[in-house]
Amino acid sequence: MAKQRNRGKPARRRDKKGGPGTGRRKPCPYCKDKVEQVDYKDTAVLRKFISEKGKIRSRRITGACRRHQSQVARAVKRARELALLPYVNEGGRDDVEREGGRGGRRGRD
C-alpha cells in the first residue's frame, strides 16, 4: 500500500529566505534612457561607476548591461587619461599609512 502524504492538509510552500541571490536585477541606467554610446566627458555620471578607492564598479553592483559596462570601463579609462577623473581617491595612500596600513610595523618601538 502506498503512503499518502499531507492528507487533508493543503501543500505549503517554503518561504524563500532573502539571501544574496534574491530579487530582481537592476535595470541598466543607459538602456533605460536609451543611450547608445557612453560619453567619457560626462564625469558626473561616470563617478557613479567608480568606488571610493577609484576602482571601476562591477556590473553586479552598477546594474549595467554587458555592452554598456564595457563602454563605461572604456570611458572611465579615457577620462582618467585626460585627467577628467582621478586614478585613485585624493589622499587614498596617506590614510592607510596613518592607521598603520599594511604590514603595520613602522613606527612601533
C-alpha atoms as a PDB file:
ATOM      1  CA  MET A   1       0.000   0.000   0.000  1.00  0.00           C
ATOM      2  CA  ALA A   2       1.383   3.398  -0.997  1.00  0.00           C
ATOM      3  CA  LYS A   3       1.928   6.056   1.640  1.00  0.00           C
ATOM      4  CA  GLN A   4      -0.266   9.114   1.484  1.00  0.00           C
ATOM      5  CA  ARG A   5       1.288  12.468   2.326  1.00  0.00           C
ATOM      6  CA  ASN A   6      -0.433  15.571   3.683  1.00  0.00           C
ATOM      7  CA  ARG A   7      -3.837  14.003   3.700  1.00  0.00           C
ATOM      8  CA  GLY A   8      -6.344  16.735   4.484  1.00  0.00           C
ATOM      9  CA  LYS A   9      -3.680  19.478   4.718  1.00  0.00           C
ATOM     10  CA  PRO A  10      -3.025  21.827   1.814  1.00  0.00           C
ATOM     11  CA  ALA A  11       0.509  21.793   0.447  1.00  0.00           C
ATOM     12  CA  ARG A  12       2.566  24.692   1.792  1.00  0.00           C
ATOM     13  CA  ARG A  13       5.452  26.292   0.004  1.00  0.00           C
ATOM     14  CA  ARG A  14       8.522  27.009   2.000  1.00  0.00           C
ATOM     15  CA  ASP A  15       9.228  30.687   2.316  1.00  0.00           C
ATOM     16  CA  LYS A  16      12.273  31.675   0.338  1.00  0.00           C
ATOM     17  CA  LYS A  17      14.937  33.122   2.567  1.00  0.00           C
ATOM     18  CA  GLY A  18      16.243  36.517   1.494  1.00  0.00           C
ATOM     19  CA  GLY A  19      19.822  35.804   0.582  1.00  0.00           C
ATOM     20  CA  PRO A  20      22.346  37.441  -1.717  1.00  0.00           C
ATOM     21  CA  GLY A  21      20.876  35.873  -4.873  1.00  0.00           C
ATOM     22  CA  THR A  22      17.295  37.019  -4.375  1.00  0.00           C
ATOM     23  CA  GLY A  23      15.431  39.792  -6.064  1.00  0.00           C
ATOM     24  CA  ARG A  24      15.480  41.322  -9.497  1.00  0.00           C
ATOM     25  CA  ARG A  25      18.470  42.693 -11.335  1.00  0.00           C
ATOM     26  CA  LYS A  26      18.718  46.448 -11.509  1.00  0.00           C
ATOM     27  CA  PRO A  27      17.829  47.828 -14.921  1.00  0.00           C
ATOM     28  CA  CYS A  28      20.701  49.217 -16.950  1.00  0.00           C
ATOM     29  CA  PRO A  29      20.691  53.017 -16.495  1.00  0.00           C
ATOM     30  CA  TYR A  30      21.824  53.527 -20.088  1.00  0.00           C
ATOM     31  CA  CYS A  31      19.298  51.136 -21.654  1.00  0.00           C
ATOM     32  CA  LYS A  32      16.549  52.722 -19.576  1.00  0.00           C
ATOM     33  CA  ASP A  33      17.385  56.172 -21.020  1.00  0.00           C
ATOM     34  CA  LYS A  34      18.016  54.665 -24.487  1.00  0.00           C
ATOM     35  CA  VAL A  35      21.629  55.876 -24.638  1.00  0.00           C
ATOM     36  CA  GLU A  36      23.628  54.294 -27.456  1.00  0.00           C
ATOM     37  CA  GLN A  37      27.151  55.377 -26.506  1.00  0.00           C
ATOM     38  CA  VAL A  38      28.628  56.252 -23.082  1.00  0.00           C
ATOM     39  CA  ASP A  39      30.259  59.702 -23.088  1.00  0.00           C
ATOM     40  CA  TYR A  40      33.688  59.934 -21.444  1.00  0.00           C
ATOM     41  CA  LYS A  41      33.233  63.707 -20.912  1.00  0.00           C
ATOM     42  CA  ASP A  42      30.212  63.189 -18.640  1.00  0.00           C
ATOM     43  CA  THR A  43      32.210  62.830 -15.418  1.00  0.00           C
ATOM     44  CA  ALA A  44      29.229  63.307 -13.102  1.00  0.00           C
ATOM     45  CA  VAL A  45      27.628  60.116 -14.418  1.00  0.00           C
ATOM     46  CA  LEU A  46      30.920  58.215 -14.624  1.00  0.00           C
ATOM     47  CA  ARG A  47      31.655  58.921 -10.940  1.00  0.00           C
ATOM     48  CA  LYS A  48      28.680  56.716 -10.034  1.00  0.00           C
ATOM     49  CA  PHE A  49      30.535  53.801 -11.614  1.00  0.00           C
ATOM     50  CA  ILE A  50      33.707  54.347  -9.544  1.00  0.00           C
ATOM     51  CA  SER A  51      34.246  53.265  -5.923  1.00  0.00           C
ATOM     52  CA  GLU A  52      35.707  55.411  -3.144  1.00  0.00           C
ATOM     53  CA  LYS A  53      39.130  53.930  -3.834  1.00  0.00           C
ATOM     54  CA  GLY A  54      38.864  54.732  -7.542  1.00  0.00           C
ATOM     55  CA  LYS A  55      38.113  51.233  -8.837  1.00  0.00           C
ATOM     56  CA  ILE A  56      35.538  50.663 -11.565  1.00  0.00           C
ATOM     57  CA  ARG A  57      32.470  49.004 -10.027  1.00  0.00           C
ATOM     58  CA  SER A  58      31.281  45.672 -11.405  1.00  0.00           C
ATOM     59  CA  ARG A  59      28.120  45.011 -13.401  1.00  0.00           C
ATOM     60  CA  ARG A  60      26.609  43.218 -10.435  1.00  0.00           C
ATOM     61  CA  ILE A  61      26.770  46.417  -8.366  1.00  0.00           C
ATOM     62  CA  THR A  62      26.006  49.031 -11.027  1.00  0.00           C
ATOM     63  CA  GLY A  63      23.278  47.085 -12.798  1.00  0.00           C
ATOM     64  CA  ALA A  64      24.640  47.979 -16.230  1.00  0.00           C
ATOM     65  CA  CYS A  65      24.257  45.534 -19.091  1.00  0.00           C
ATOM     66  CA  ARG A  66      27.327  43.875 -20.595  1.00  0.00           C
ATOM     67  CA  ARG A  67      27.503  46.225 -23.573  1.00  0.00           C
ATOM     68  CA  HIS A  68      27.231  49.431 -21.559  1.00  0.00           C
ATOM     69  CA  GLN A  69      29.514  48.185 -18.753  1.00  0.00           C
ATOM     70  CA  SER A  70      32.347  47.689 -21.239  1.00  0.00           C
ATOM     71  CA  GLN A  71      31.649  51.170 -22.653  1.00  0.00           C
ATOM     72  CA  VAL A  72      31.699  52.603 -19.113  1.00  0.00           C
ATOM     73  CA  ALA A  73      35.056  50.938 -18.403  1.00  0.00           C
ATOM     74  CA  ARG A  74      36.492  52.336 -21.634  1.00  0.00           C
ATOM     75  CA  ALA A  75      35.057  55.807 -20.892  1.00  0.00           C
ATOM     76  CA  VAL A  76      36.460  55.824 -17.336  1.00  0.00           C
ATOM     77  CA  LYS A  77      39.914  54.842 -18.598  1.00  0.00           C
ATOM     78  CA  ARG A  78      39.778  57.509 -21.298  1.00  0.00           C
ATOM     79  CA  ALA A  79      38.613  60.156 -18.787  1.00  0.00           C
ATOM     80  CA  ARG A  80      41.483  59.203 -16.465  1.00  0.00           C
ATOM     81  CA  GLU A  81      43.985  59.621 -19.296  1.00  0.00           C
ATOM     82  CA  LEU A  82      42.641  63.122 -19.975  1.00  0.00           C
ATOM     83  CA  ALA A  83      42.705  63.959 -16.234  1.00  0.00           C
ATOM     84  CA  LEU A  84      38.922  64.325 -16.059  1.00  0.00           C
ATOM     85  CA  LEU A  85      38.741  61.570 -13.426  1.00  0.00           C
ATOM     86  CA  PRO A  86      41.340  60.612 -10.799  1.00  0.00           C
ATOM     87  CA  TYR A  87      43.120  57.257 -10.894  1.00  0.00           C
ATOM     88  CA  VAL A  88      42.846  56.991  -7.093  1.00  0.00           C
ATOM     89  CA  ASN A  89      41.000  58.804  -4.340  1.00  0.00           C
ATOM     90  CA  GLU A  90      42.546  62.060  -3.112  1.00  0.00           C
ATOM     91  CA  GLY A  91      44.668  61.174  -0.083  1.00  0.00           C
ATOM     92  CA  GLY A  92      43.968  57.474  -0.511  1.00  0.00           C
ATOM     93  CA  ARG A  93      47.512  56.344   0.342  1.00  0.00           C
ATOM     94  CA  ASP A  94      48.021  58.755   3.255  1.00  0.00           C
ATOM     95  CA  ASP A  95      45.044  57.346   5.182  1.00  0.00           C
ATOM     96  CA  VAL A  96      46.474  53.824   5.023  1.00  0.00           C
ATOM     97  CA  GLU A  97      49.899  54.895   6.299  1.00  0.00           C
ATOM     98  CA  ARG A  98      48.459  56.937   9.167  1.00  0.00           C
ATOM     99  CA  GLU A  99      46.403  53.995  10.503  1.00  0.00           C
ATOM    100  CA  GLY A 100      49.244  51.534  10.309  1.00  0.00           C
ATOM    101  CA  GLY A 101      48.182  50.158   6.948  1.00  0.00           C
ATOM    102  CA  ARG A 102      49.650  47.007   5.514  1.00  0.00           C
ATOM    103  CA  GLY A 103      52.475  45.495   7.476  1.00  0.00           C
ATOM    104  CA  GLY A 104      51.897  47.868  10.379  1.00  0.00           C
ATOM    105  CA  ARG A 105      55.477  47.578  11.660  1.00  0.00           C
ATOM    106  CA  ARG A 106      56.538  51.152  11.002  1.00  0.00           C
ATOM    107  CA  GLY A 107      56.561  53.495  13.956  1.00  0.00           C
ATOM    108  CA  ARG A 108      56.466  50.808  16.652  1.00  0.00           C
ATOM    109  CA  ASP A 109      59.271  50.693  19.194  1.00  0.00           C
END
